[in-house]
Amino acid sequence: MTPATDHRKYIARETAIGAAINGLLSEGAFWSASTYVAGPNTSAATGVMNTGGNAAGFLAPVVGLMVDHLGWLATLASGSVFAVIGAALWLLIRIRRPVACQ
C-alpha cells in the first residue's frame, strides 16, 4: 500500500463507525414512534419491524455480488439511496388521533 492511499483505510473505518453510531442513535426514535402509532397493536407492529429488518439479512449474498460486479462505491451508494427513501417514507406517516399529555 502506498503512503498516499494508506490513510483511506482510516477514513473508511471512521466513516463506518460514524454510520453505526448514527444508526444506533436513531433506533429509539423509530421504535417509540412505531409503538405510538400502532397503539394497541404494538406487538404486531414490532413484529413486522423485526421481520422486515431481519429479512434484509437474506440479501447479504446480493451485496457480495454487487461488490464483485459494480464495486464498493456503487454498492454503498445504493444503500444510501435506500436510506434516503426510508427517511422520506417517514414523512408520509399521519396520526389521526390527538396527542394527549400524560
C-alpha atoms as a PDB file:
ATOM      1  CA  MET A   1       0.000   0.000   0.000  1.00  0.00           C
ATOM      2  CA  THR A   2       1.392   3.370  -0.931  1.00  0.00           C
ATOM      3  CA  PRO A   3       1.605   6.140   1.652  1.00  0.00           C
ATOM      4  CA  ALA A   4      -0.834   8.243  -0.382  1.00  0.00           C
ATOM      5  CA  THR A   5      -3.630   5.662  -0.080  1.00  0.00           C
ATOM      6  CA  ASP A   6      -2.776   4.358   3.391  1.00  0.00           C
ATOM      7  CA  HIS A   7      -4.956   6.982   5.101  1.00  0.00           C
ATOM      8  CA  ARG A   8      -8.055   5.785   3.237  1.00  0.00           C
ATOM      9  CA  LYS A   9      -8.485   2.747   5.456  1.00  0.00           C
ATOM     10  CA  TYR A  10      -8.678   5.038   8.489  1.00  0.00           C
ATOM     11  CA  ILE A  11     -11.224   7.289   6.783  1.00  0.00           C
ATOM     12  CA  ALA A  12     -13.279   4.213   5.851  1.00  0.00           C
ATOM     13  CA  ARG A  13     -13.124   2.926   9.420  1.00  0.00           C
ATOM     14  CA  GLU A  14     -14.163   6.250  10.941  1.00  0.00           C
ATOM     15  CA  THR A  15     -16.976   6.645   8.418  1.00  0.00           C
ATOM     16  CA  ALA A  16     -18.290   3.152   9.217  1.00  0.00           C
ATOM     17  CA  ILE A  17     -18.119   3.890  12.948  1.00  0.00           C
ATOM     18  CA  GLY A  18     -19.988   7.166  12.437  1.00  0.00           C
ATOM     19  CA  ALA A  19     -22.685   5.420  10.399  1.00  0.00           C
ATOM     20  CA  ALA A  20     -23.128   2.765  13.078  1.00  0.00           C
ATOM     21  CA  ILE A  21     -23.378   5.374  15.819  1.00  0.00           C
ATOM     22  CA  ASN A  22     -25.945   7.393  13.869  1.00  0.00           C
ATOM     23  CA  GLY A  23     -27.977   4.285  13.144  1.00  0.00           C
ATOM     24  CA  LEU A  24     -27.980   3.210  16.769  1.00  0.00           C
ATOM     25  CA  LEU A  25     -28.852   6.700  17.997  1.00  0.00           C
ATOM     26  CA  SER A  26     -31.950   6.767  15.786  1.00  0.00           C
ATOM     27  CA  GLU A  27     -33.125   3.328  16.867  1.00  0.00           C
ATOM     28  CA  GLY A  28     -35.032   4.565  19.914  1.00  0.00           C
ATOM     29  CA  ALA A  29     -36.904   7.117  17.837  1.00  0.00           C
ATOM     30  CA  PHE A  30     -38.326   4.689  15.311  1.00  0.00           C
ATOM     31  CA  TRP A  31     -39.207   2.072  17.947  1.00  0.00           C
ATOM     32  CA  SER A  32     -41.044   4.614  20.071  1.00  0.00           C
ATOM     33  CA  ALA A  33     -42.735   6.129  17.005  1.00  0.00           C
ATOM     34  CA  SER A  34     -43.978   2.739  15.844  1.00  0.00           C
ATOM     35  CA  THR A  35     -45.206   1.958  19.354  1.00  0.00           C
ATOM     36  CA  TYR A  36     -47.101   5.227  19.497  1.00  0.00           C
ATOM     37  CA  VAL A  37     -48.588   4.918  16.020  1.00  0.00           C
ATOM     38  CA  ALA A  38     -49.606   1.263  16.491  1.00  0.00           C
ATOM     39  CA  GLY A  39     -51.313   1.900  19.816  1.00  0.00           C
ATOM     40  CA  PRO A  40     -52.982  -1.338  20.962  1.00  0.00           C
ATOM     41  CA  ASN A  41     -51.393  -3.205  18.037  1.00  0.00           C
ATOM     42  CA  THR A  42     -47.844  -2.517  19.216  1.00  0.00           C
ATOM     43  CA  SER A  43     -46.845  -6.182  19.338  1.00  0.00           C
ATOM     44  CA  ALA A  44     -47.906  -6.701  15.725  1.00  0.00           C
ATOM     45  CA  ALA A  45     -46.111  -3.542  14.604  1.00  0.00           C
ATOM     46  CA  THR A  46     -42.865  -4.502  16.326  1.00  0.00           C
ATOM     47  CA  GLY A  47     -43.161  -7.993  14.849  1.00  0.00           C
ATOM     48  CA  VAL A  48     -43.442  -6.533  11.374  1.00  0.00           C
ATOM     49  CA  MET A  49     -40.452  -4.261  12.022  1.00  0.00           C
ATOM     50  CA  ASN A  50     -38.332  -7.166  13.291  1.00  0.00           C
ATOM     51  CA  THR A  51     -39.339  -9.361  10.373  1.00  0.00           C
ATOM     52  CA  GLY A  52     -38.542  -6.637   7.853  1.00  0.00           C
ATOM     53  CA  GLY A  53     -35.212  -5.875   9.479  1.00  0.00           C
ATOM     54  CA  ASN A  54     -34.139  -9.498   9.693  1.00  0.00           C
ATOM     55  CA  ALA A  55     -35.440 -10.385   6.235  1.00  0.00           C
ATOM     56  CA  ALA A  56     -32.902  -7.974   4.796  1.00  0.00           C
ATOM     57  CA  GLY A  57     -30.213 -10.371   6.010  1.00  0.00           C
ATOM     58  CA  PHE A  58     -31.248 -12.728   3.223  1.00  0.00           C
ATOM     59  CA  LEU A  59     -29.980 -10.108   0.781  1.00  0.00           C
ATOM     60  CA  ALA A  60     -26.404 -10.382   2.060  1.00  0.00           C
ATOM     61  CA  PRO A  61     -25.318 -12.553  -0.904  1.00  0.00           C
ATOM     62  CA  VAL A  62     -26.689  -9.883  -3.243  1.00  0.00           C
ATOM     63  CA  VAL A  63     -24.404  -7.331  -1.605  1.00  0.00           C
ATOM     64  CA  GLY A  64     -21.420  -9.558  -2.315  1.00  0.00           C
ATOM     65  CA  LEU A  65     -22.467  -9.897  -5.937  1.00  0.00           C
ATOM     66  CA  MET A  66     -22.923  -6.132  -6.214  1.00  0.00           C
ATOM     67  CA  VAL A  67     -19.437  -5.523  -4.844  1.00  0.00           C
ATOM     68  CA  ASP A  68     -17.982  -8.024  -7.334  1.00  0.00           C
ATOM     69  CA  HIS A  69     -19.822  -6.603 -10.341  1.00  0.00           C
ATOM     70  CA  LEU A  70     -20.295  -2.904  -9.524  1.00  0.00           C
ATOM     71  CA  GLY A  71     -17.632  -2.120  -6.929  1.00  0.00           C
ATOM     72  CA  TRP A  72     -17.840  -0.734  -3.408  1.00  0.00           C
ATOM     73  CA  LEU A  73     -18.837   2.793  -4.361  1.00  0.00           C
ATOM     74  CA  ALA A  74     -21.978   1.767  -6.251  1.00  0.00           C
ATOM     75  CA  THR A  75     -22.904  -0.759  -3.562  1.00  0.00           C
ATOM     76  CA  LEU A  76     -22.596   1.751  -0.733  1.00  0.00           C
ATOM     77  CA  ALA A  77     -24.365   4.401  -2.800  1.00  0.00           C
ATOM     78  CA  SER A  78     -27.309   2.066  -3.329  1.00  0.00           C
ATOM     79  CA  GLY A  79     -27.534   1.604   0.437  1.00  0.00           C
ATOM     80  CA  SER A  80     -27.576   5.366   0.845  1.00  0.00           C
ATOM     81  CA  VAL A  81     -30.367   5.676  -1.719  1.00  0.00           C
ATOM     82  CA  PHE A  82     -32.493   3.168   0.198  1.00  0.00           C
ATOM     83  CA  ALA A  83     -31.793   5.024   3.453  1.00  0.00           C
ATOM     84  CA  VAL A  84     -32.998   8.297   1.905  1.00  0.00           C
ATOM     85  CA  ILE A  85     -36.111   6.548   0.556  1.00  0.00           C
ATOM     86  CA  GLY A  86     -36.811   5.151   4.026  1.00  0.00           C
ATOM     87  CA  ALA A  87     -36.395   8.582   5.592  1.00  0.00           C
ATOM     88  CA  ALA A  88     -38.762  10.077   3.016  1.00  0.00           C
ATOM     89  CA  LEU A  89     -41.367   7.407   3.759  1.00  0.00           C
ATOM     90  CA  TRP A  90     -41.426   8.567   7.389  1.00  0.00           C
ATOM     91  CA  LEU A  91     -42.800  11.871   6.124  1.00  0.00           C
ATOM     92  CA  LEU A  92     -45.898  10.040   4.865  1.00  0.00           C
ATOM     93  CA  ILE A  93     -46.909   8.805   8.320  1.00  0.00           C
ATOM     94  CA  ARG A  94     -50.029  10.573   9.573  1.00  0.00           C
ATOM     95  CA  ILE A  95     -51.544  10.078  13.014  1.00  0.00           C
ATOM     96  CA  ARG A  96     -55.286  10.648  13.124  1.00  0.00           C
ATOM     97  CA  ARG A  97     -55.687  10.862  16.906  1.00  0.00           C
ATOM     98  CA  PRO A  98     -54.622  13.844  19.010  1.00  0.00           C
ATOM     99  CA  VAL A  99     -51.562  13.633  21.217  1.00  0.00           C
ATOM    100  CA  ALA A 100     -52.605  13.656  24.873  1.00  0.00           C
ATOM    101  CA  CYS A 101     -50.291  14.953  27.591  1.00  0.00           C
ATOM    102  CA  GLN A 102     -49.671  12.462  30.354  1.00  0.00           C
END
